Amino acid sequence: MWASRSAASYYAGVHLLVVDDQPELLDMLSRAFERESYRVSLAGTLAAARASVAADAPDVLVLDVELPDGNGVDF
């Protein structure tokens, strides 16, 4: 039951892919998500995101809208 579990244990092992072209933001988000027990992968471009998805499909994508090689919404 959700109420009996902490958020950290509930989401432990959920794989997030965070895609953003700003290294500072990637660092901040990865630390915040890892603190909540998510498994986090990072990408700075859509090309890197595509490769990451092909190698190890994430459960959740967190995408920047404007990336150097395309639009996160279109991805």
PDB file of N, CA and C in Angstrom:
ATOM      1  N   MET A   1       0.841  -1.179   0.000  1.00  0.00           N
ATOM      2  CA  MET A   1       0.000   0.000   0.000  1.00  0.00           C
ATOM      3  C   MET A   1       0.881   1.235   0.000  1.00  0.00           C
ATOM      4  N   TRP A   2       0.520   2.215  -0.794  1.00  0.00           N
ATOM      5  CA  TRP A   2       1.322   3.436  -0.938  1.00  0.00           C
ATOM      6  C   TRP A   2       1.569   4.121   0.401  1.00  0.00           C
ATOM      7  N   ALA A   3       0.554   4.306   1.208  1.00  0.00           N
ATOM      8  CA  ALA A   3       0.677   5.087   2.438  1.00  0.00           C
ATOM      9  C   ALA A   3       1.682   4.482   3.411  1.00  0.00           C
ATOM     10  N   SER A   4       1.907   3.188   3.320  1.00  0.00           N
ATOM     11  CA  SER A   4       2.808   2.553   4.267  1.00  0.00           C
ATOM     12  C   SER A   4       4.268   2.572   3.799  1.00  0.00           C
ATOM     13  N   ARG A   5       4.522   3.064   2.603  1.00  0.00           N
ATOM     14  CA  ARG A   5       5.881   3.080   2.067  1.00  0.00           C
ATOM     15  C   ARG A   5       6.344   4.512   1.864  1.00  0.00           C
ATOM     16  N   SER A   6       7.635   4.736   2.077  1.00  0.00           N
ATOM     17  CA  SER A   6       8.176   6.065   1.815  1.00  0.00           C
ATOM     18  C   SER A   6       8.295   6.252   0.311  1.00  0.00           C
ATOM     19  N   ALA A   7       8.334   7.497  -0.131  1.00  0.00           N
ATOM     20  CA  ALA A   7       8.477   7.782  -1.559  1.00  0.00           C
ATOM     21  C   ALA A   7       9.775   7.175  -2.077  1.00  0.00           C
ATOM     22  N   ALA A   8      10.841   7.250  -1.292  1.00  0.00           N
ATOM     23  CA  ALA A   8      12.133   6.720  -1.734  1.00  0.00           C
ATOM     24  C   ALA A   8      12.057   5.222  -1.986  1.00  0.00           C
ATOM     25  N   SER A   9      11.410   4.475  -1.105  1.00  0.00           N
ATOM     26  CA  SER A   9      11.325   3.037  -1.322  1.00  0.00           C
ATOM     27  C   SER A   9      10.327   2.703  -2.428  1.00  0.00           C
ATOM     28  N   TYR A  10       9.299   3.497  -2.584  1.00  0.00           N
ATOM     29  CA  TYR A  10       8.302   3.257  -3.620  1.00  0.00           C
ATOM     30  C   TYR A  10       8.916   3.402  -5.010  1.00  0.00           C
ATOM     31  N   TYR A  11       9.784   4.390  -5.196  1.00  0.00           N
ATOM     32  CA  TYR A  11      10.370   4.663  -6.502  1.00  0.00           C
ATOM     33  C   TYR A  11      11.770   4.076  -6.675  1.00  0.00           C
ATOM     34  N   ALA A  12      12.242   3.329  -5.711  1.00  0.00           N
ATOM     35  CA  ALA A  12      13.596   2.766  -5.784  1.00  0.00           C
ATOM     36  C   ALA A  12      13.743   1.943  -7.051  1.00  0.00           C
ATOM     37  N   GLY A  13      14.774   2.260  -7.808  1.00  0.00           N
ATOM     38  CA  GLY A  13      15.080   1.509  -9.008  1.00  0.00           C
ATOM     39  C   GLY A  13      14.375   1.987 -10.267  1.00  0.00           C
ATOM     40  N   VAL A  14      13.424   2.918 -10.153  1.00  0.00           N
ATOM     41  CA  VAL A  14      12.793   3.468 -11.357  1.00  0.00           C
ATOM     42  C   VAL A  14      13.865   4.219 -12.127  1.00  0.00           C
ATOM     43  N   HIS A  15      13.950   3.936 -13.418  1.00  0.00           N
ATOM     44  CA  HIS A  15      15.014   4.497 -14.252  1.00  0.00           C
ATOM     45  C   HIS A  15      14.536   5.757 -14.973  1.00  0.00           C
ATOM     46  N   LEU A  16      15.194   6.872 -14.690  1.00  0.00           N
ATOM     47  CA  LEU A  16      14.904   8.146 -15.340  1.00  0.00           C
ATOM     48  C   LEU A  16      16.022   8.487 -16.316  1.00  0.00           C
ATOM     49  N   LEU A  17      15.658   9.020 -17.457  1.00  0.00           N
ATOM     50  CA  LEU A  17      16.628   9.618 -18.373  1.00  0.00           C
ATOM     51  C   LEU A  17      16.352  11.104 -18.391  1.00  0.00           C
ATOM     52  N   VAL A  18      17.328  11.892 -17.968  1.00  0.00           N
ATOM     53  CA  VAL A  18      17.210  13.338 -17.931  1.00  0.00           C
ATOM     54  C   VAL A  18      18.022  13.892 -19.097  1.00  0.00           C
ATOM     55  N   VAL A  19      17.366  14.687 -19.946  1.00  0.00           N
ATOM     56  CA  VAL A  19      18.006  15.224 -21.142  1.00  0.00           C
ATOM     57  C   VAL A  19      17.974  16.744 -21.090  1.00  0.00           C
ATOM     58  N   ASP A  20      19.147  17.346 -21.041  1.00  0.00           N
ATOM     59  CA  ASP A  20      19.267  18.804 -21.019  1.00  0.00           C
ATOM     60  C   ASP A  20      20.662  19.167 -21.480  1.00  0.00           C
ATOM     61  N   ASP A  21      20.806  20.315 -22.129  1.00  0.00           N
ATOM     62  CA  ASP A  21      22.116  20.735 -22.630  1.00  0.00           C
ATOM     63  C   ASP A  21      22.886  21.605 -21.634  1.00  0.00           C
ATOM     64  N   GLN A  22      22.345  21.813 -20.460  1.00  0.00           N
ATOM     65  CA  GLN A  22      23.028  22.606 -19.432  1.00  0.00           C
ATOM     66  C   GLN A  22      23.588  21.663 -18.364  1.00  0.00           C
ATOM     67  N   PRO A  23      24.910  21.500 -18.321  1.00  0.00           N
ATOM     68  CA  PRO A  23      25.518  20.564 -17.367  1.00  0.00           C
ATOM     69  C   PRO A  23      25.150  20.843 -15.910  1.00  0.00           C
ATOM     70  N   GLU A  24      25.015  22.117 -15.547  1.00  0.00           N
ATOM     71  CA  GLU A  24      24.675  22.448 -14.156  1.00  0.00           C
ATOM     72  C   GLU A  24      23.285  21.918 -13.798  1.00  0.00           C
ATOM     73  N   LEU A  25      22.357  22.035 -14.728  1.00  0.00           N
ATOM     74  CA  LEU A  25      21.002  21.556 -14.486  1.00  0.00           C
ATOM     75  C   LEU A  25      20.971  20.033 -14.439  1.00  0.00           C
ATOM     76  N   LEU A  26      21.710  19.380 -15.332  1.00  0.00           N
ATOM     77  CA  LEU A  26      21.804  17.916 -15.283  1.00  0.00           C
ATOM     78  C   LEU A  26      22.336  17.446 -13.941  1.00  0.00           C
ATOM     79  N   ASP A  27      23.365  18.109 -13.448  1.00  0.00           N
ATOM     80  CA  ASP A  27      23.958  17.749 -12.163  1.00  0.00           C
ATOM     81  C   ASP A  27      22.956  17.920 -11.026  1.00  0.00           C
ATOM     82  N   MET A  28      22.276  19.052 -10.991  1.00  0.00           N
ATOM     83  CA  MET A  28      21.314  19.329  -9.930  1.00  0.00           C
ATOM     84  C   MET A  28      20.164  18.315  -9.960  1.00  0.00           C
ATOM     85  N   LEU A  29      19.616  18.073 -11.141  1.00  0.00           N
ATOM     86  CA  LEU A  29      18.502  17.139 -11.245  1.00  0.00           C
ATOM     87  C   LEU A  29      18.918  15.715 -10.906  1.00  0.00           C
ATOM     88  N   SER A  30      20.084  15.302 -11.369  1.00  0.00           N
ATOM     89  CA  SER A  30      20.514  13.929 -11.077  1.00  0.00           C
ATOM     90  C   SER A  30      20.708  13.728  -9.577  1.00  0.00           C
ATOM     91  N   ARG A  31      21.308  14.704  -8.905  1.00  0.00           N
ATOM     92  CA  ARG A  31      21.481  14.577  -7.452  1.00  0.00           C
ATOM     93  C   ARG A  31      20.139  14.520  -6.734  1.00  0.00           C
ATOM     94  N   ALA A  32      19.193  15.356  -7.155  1.00  0.00           N
ATOM     95  CA  ALA A  32      17.878  15.381  -6.507  1.00  0.00           C
ATOM     96  C   ALA A  32      17.139  14.058  -6.723  1.00  0.00           C
ATOM     97  N   PHE A  33      17.151  13.555  -7.955  1.00  0.00           N
ATOM     98  CA  PHE A  33      16.459  12.289  -8.227  1.00  0.00           C
ATOM     99  C   PHE A  33      17.151  11.103  -7.547  1.00  0.00           C
ATOM    100  N   GLU A  34      18.463  11.081  -7.551  1.00  0.00           N
ATOM    101  CA  GLU A  34      19.188   9.989  -6.896  1.00  0.00           C
ATOM    102  C   GLU A  34      18.948   9.984  -5.396  1.00  0.00           C
ATOM    103  N   ARG A  35      18.797  11.147  -4.814  1.00  0.00           N
ATOM    104  CA  ARG A  35      18.500  11.246  -3.389  1.00  0.00           C
ATOM    105  C   ARG A  35      17.159  10.573  -3.071  1.00  0.00           C
ATOM    106  N   GLU A  36      16.259  10.534  -4.048  1.00  0.00           N
ATOM    107  CA  GLU A  36      14.957   9.890  -3.885  1.00  0.00           C
ATOM    108  C   GLU A  36      14.974   8.433  -4.363  1.00  0.00           C
ATOM    109  N   SER A  37      16.167   7.906  -4.602  1.00  0.00           N
ATOM    110  CA  SER A  37      16.391   6.504  -4.974  1.00  0.00           C
ATOM    111  C   SER A  37      16.039   6.145  -6.409  1.00  0.00           C
ATOM    112  N   TYR A  38      15.913   7.140  -7.291  1.00  0.00           N
ATOM    113  CA  TYR A  38      15.751   6.850  -8.702  1.00  0.00           C
ATOM    114  C   TYR A  38      17.108   6.442  -9.281  1.00  0.00           C
ATOM    115  N   ARG A  39      17.072   5.629 -10.327  1.00  0.00           N
ATOM    116  CA  ARG A  39      18.278   5.325 -11.103  1.00  0.00           C
ATOM    117  C   ARG A  39      18.279   6.330 -12.251  1.00  0.00           C
ATOM    118  N   VAL A  40      19.346   7.121 -12.381  1.00  0.00           N
ATOM    119  CA  VAL A  40      19.348   8.250 -13.302  1.00  0.00           C
ATOM    120  C   VAL A  40      20.414   8.085 -14.381  1.00  0.00           C
ATOM    121  N   SER A  41      19.995   8.310 -15.625  1.00  0.00           N
ATOM    122  CA  SER A  41      20.917   8.426 -16.749  1.00  0.00           C
ATOM    123  C   SER A  41      20.798   9.848 -17.275  1.00  0.00           C
ATOM    124  N   LEU A  42      21.879  10.346 -17.854  1.00  0.00           N
ATOM    125  CA  LEU A  42      21.908  11.726 -18.325  1.00  0.00           C
ATOM    126  C   LEU A  42      22.297  11.783 -19.791  1.00  0.00           C
ATOM    127  N   ALA A  43      21.746  12.771 -20.501  1.00  0.00           N
ATOM    128  CA  ALA A  43      22.118  13.024 -21.884  1.00  0.00           C
ATOM    129  C   ALA A  43      22.048  14.525 -22.134  1.00  0.00           C
ATOM    130  N   GLY A  44      22.967  15.025 -22.961  1.00  0.00           N
ATOM    131  CA  GLY A  44      23.005  16.452 -23.261  1.00  0.00           C
ATOM    132  C   GLY A  44      22.461  16.809 -24.622  1.00  0.00           C
ATOM    133  N   THR A  45      22.146  15.806 -25.429  1.00  0.00           N
ATOM    134  CA  THR A  45      21.599  16.028 -26.769  1.00  0.00           C
ATOM    135  C   THR A  45      20.543  14.964 -27.062  1.00  0.00           C
ATOM    136  N   LEU A  46      19.752  15.217 -28.098  1.00  0.00           N
ATOM    137  CA  LEU A  46      18.772  14.207 -28.497  1.00  0.00           C
ATOM    138  C   LEU A  46      19.458  12.969 -29.054  1.00  0.00           C
ATOM    139  N   ALA A  47      20.575  13.151 -29.738  1.00  0.00           N
ATOM    140  CA  ALA A  47      21.319  11.999 -30.259  1.00  0.00           C
ATOM    141  C   ALA A  47      21.778  11.104 -29.103  1.00  0.00           C
ATOM    142  N   ALA A  48      22.298  11.710 -28.052  1.00  0.00           N
ATOM    143  CA  ALA A  48      22.725  10.941 -26.882  1.00  0.00           C
ATOM    144  C   ALA A  48      21.526  10.300 -26.191  1.00  0.00           C
ATOM    145  N   ALA A  49      20.393  10.994 -26.170  1.00  0.00           N
ATOM    146  CA  ALA A  49      19.178  10.440 -25.568  1.00  0.00           C
ATOM    147  C   ALA A  49      18.702   9.221 -26.351  1.00  0.00           C
ATOM    148  N   ARG A  50      18.711   9.312 -27.673  1.00  0.00           N
ATOM    149  CA  ARG A  50      18.305   8.166 -28.503  1.00  0.00           C
ATOM    150  C   ARG A  50      19.200   6.961 -28.237  1.00  0.00           C
ATOM    151  N   ALA A  51      20.495   7.189 -28.153  1.00  0.00           N
ATOM    152  CA  ALA A  51      21.439   6.097 -27.890  1.00  0.00           C
ATOM    153  C   ALA A  51      21.185   5.489 -26.511  1.00  0.00           C
ATOM    154  N   SER A  52      20.912   6.334 -25.532  1.00  0.00           N
ATOM    155  CA  SER A  52      20.647   5.854 -24.182  1.00  0.00           C
ATOM    156  C   SER A  52      19.368   5.027 -24.130  1.00  0.00           C
ATOM    157  N   VAL A  53      18.328   5.485 -24.820  1.00  0.00           N
ATOM    158  CA  VAL A  53      17.057   4.747 -24.854  1.00  0.00           C
ATOM    159  C   VAL A  53      17.258   3.394 -25.528  1.00  0.00           C
ATOM    160  N   ALA A  54      18.048   3.372 -26.608  1.00  0.00           N
ATOM    161  CA  ALA A  54      18.296   2.109 -27.317  1.00  0.00           C
ATOM    162  C   ALA A  54      19.081   1.125 -26.446  1.00  0.00           C
ATOM    163  N   ALA A  55      20.007   1.634 -25.646  1.00  0.00           N
ATOM    164  CA  ALA A  55      20.857   0.777 -24.820  1.00  0.00           C
ATOM    165  C   ALA A  55      20.153   0.281 -23.560  1.00  0.00           C
ATOM    166  N   ASP A  56      19.334   1.123 -22.937  1.00  0.00           N
ATOM    167  CA  ASP A  56      18.710   0.780 -21.661  1.00  0.00           C
ATOM    168  C   ASP A  56      17.467   1.647 -21.495  1.00  0.00           C
ATOM    169  N   ALA A  57      16.353   1.197 -22.026  1.00  0.00           N
ATOM    170  CA  ALA A  57      15.126   1.993 -22.041  1.00  0.00           C
ATOM    171  C   ALA A  57      14.728   2.451 -20.640  1.00  0.00           C
ATOM    172  N   PRO A  58      14.562   3.763 -20.455  1.00  0.00           N
ATOM    173  CA  PRO A  58      14.158   4.286 -19.145  1.00  0.00           C
ATOM    174  C   PRO A  58      12.656   4.113 -18.921  1.00  0.00           C
ATOM    175  N   ASP A  59      12.262   4.219 -17.674  1.00  0.00           N
ATOM    176  CA  ASP A  59      10.844   4.207 -17.321  1.00  0.00           C
ATOM    177  C   ASP A  59      10.216   5.577 -17.550  1.00  0.00           C
ATOM    178  N   VAL A  60      11.039   6.635 -17.377  1.00  0.00           N
ATOM    179  CA  VAL A  60      10.553   8.010 -17.464  1.00  0.00           C
ATOM    180  C   VAL A  60      11.595   8.858 -18.182  1.00  0.00           C
ATOM    181  N   LEU A  61      11.130   9.773 -19.048  1.00  0.00           N
ATOM    182  CA  LEU A  61      12.000  10.752 -19.690  1.00  0.00           C
ATOM    183  C   LEU A  61      11.703  12.124 -19.118  1.00  0.00           C
ATOM    184  N   VAL A  62      12.754  12.868 -18.775  1.00  0.00           N
ATOM    185  CA  VAL A  62      12.634  14.261 -18.371  1.00  0.00           C
ATOM    186  C   VAL A  62      13.412  15.033 -19.426  1.00  0.00           C
ATOM    187  N   LEU A  63      12.682  15.766 -20.285  1.00  0.00           N
ATOM    188  CA  LEU A  63      13.288  16.372 -21.469  1.00  0.00           C
ATOM    189  C   LEU A  63      13.230  17.887 -21.442  1.00  0.00           C
ATOM    190  N   ASP A  64      14.331  18.496 -21.842  1.00  0.00           N
ATOM    191  CA  ASP A  64      14.370  19.917 -22.141  1.00  0.00           C
ATOM    192  C   ASP A  64      13.631  20.115 -23.463  1.00  0.00           C
ATOM    193  N   VAL A  65      12.982  21.233 -23.636  1.00  0.00           N
ATOM    194  CA  VAL A  65      12.258  21.492 -24.873  1.00  0.00           C
ATOM    195  C   VAL A  65      13.222  21.904 -25.986  1.00  0.00           C
ATOM    196  N   GLU A  66      14.170  22.767 -25.685  1.00  0.00           N
ATOM    197  CA  GLU A  66      15.080  23.271 -26.708  1.00  0.00           C
ATOM    198  C   GLU A  66      16.471  22.697 -26.484  1.00  0.00           C
ATOM    199  N   LEU A  67      16.854  21.799 -27.396  1.00  0.00           N
ATOM    200  CA  LEU A  67      18.169  21.183 -27.341  1.00  0.00           C
ATOM    201  C   LEU A  67      18.944  21.557 -28.591  1.00  0.00           C
ATOM    202  N   PRO A  68      20.261  21.449 -28.554  1.00  0.00           N
ATOM    203  CA  PRO A  68      21.059  21.885 -29.708  1.00  0.00           C
ATOM    204  C   PRO A  68      20.737  21.129 -30.996  1.00  0.00           C
ATOM    205  N   ASP A  69      20.282  19.894 -30.896  1.00  0.00           N
ATOM    206  CA  ASP A  69      20.031  19.099 -32.090  1.00  0.00           C
ATOM    207  C   ASP A  69      18.557  18.753 -32.290  1.00  0.00           C
ATOM    208  N   GLY A  70      17.668  19.496 -31.654  1.00  0.00           N
ATOM    209  CA  GLY A  70      16.257  19.248 -31.879  1.00  0.00           C
ATOM    210  C   GLY A  70      15.368  19.663 -30.725  1.00  0.00           C
ATOM    211  N   ASN A  71      14.111  19.301 -30.859  1.00  0.00           N
ATOM    212  CA  ASN A  71      13.091  19.680 -29.892  1.00  0.00           C
ATOM    213  C   ASN A  71      12.720  18.483 -29.031  1.00  0.00           C
ATOM    214  N   GLY A  72      12.826  18.634 -27.724  1.00  0.00           N
ATOM    215  CA  GLY A  72      12.490  17.550 -26.804  1.00  0.00           C
ATOM    216  C   GLY A  72      11.055  17.087 -26.906  1.00  0.00           C
ATOM    217  N   VAL A  73      10.140  17.981 -27.244  1.00  0.00           N
ATOM    218  CA  VAL A  73       8.736  17.613 -27.382  1.00  0.00           C
ATOM    219  C   VAL A  73       8.563  16.666 -28.565  1.00  0.00           C
ATOM    220  N   ASP A  74       9.261  16.916 -29.653  1.00  0.00           N
ATOM    221  CA  ASP A  74       9.172  16.041 -30.823  1.00  0.00           C
ATOM    222  C   ASP A  74       9.769  14.669 -30.559  1.00  0.00           C
ATOM    223  N   PHE A  75      10.709  14.592 -29.675  1.00  0.00           N
ATOM    224  CA  PHE A  75      11.350  13.314 -29.346  1.00  0.00           C
ATOM    225  C   PHE A  75      10.345  12.380 -28.738  1.00  0.00           C
TER     226      PHE A  75
END
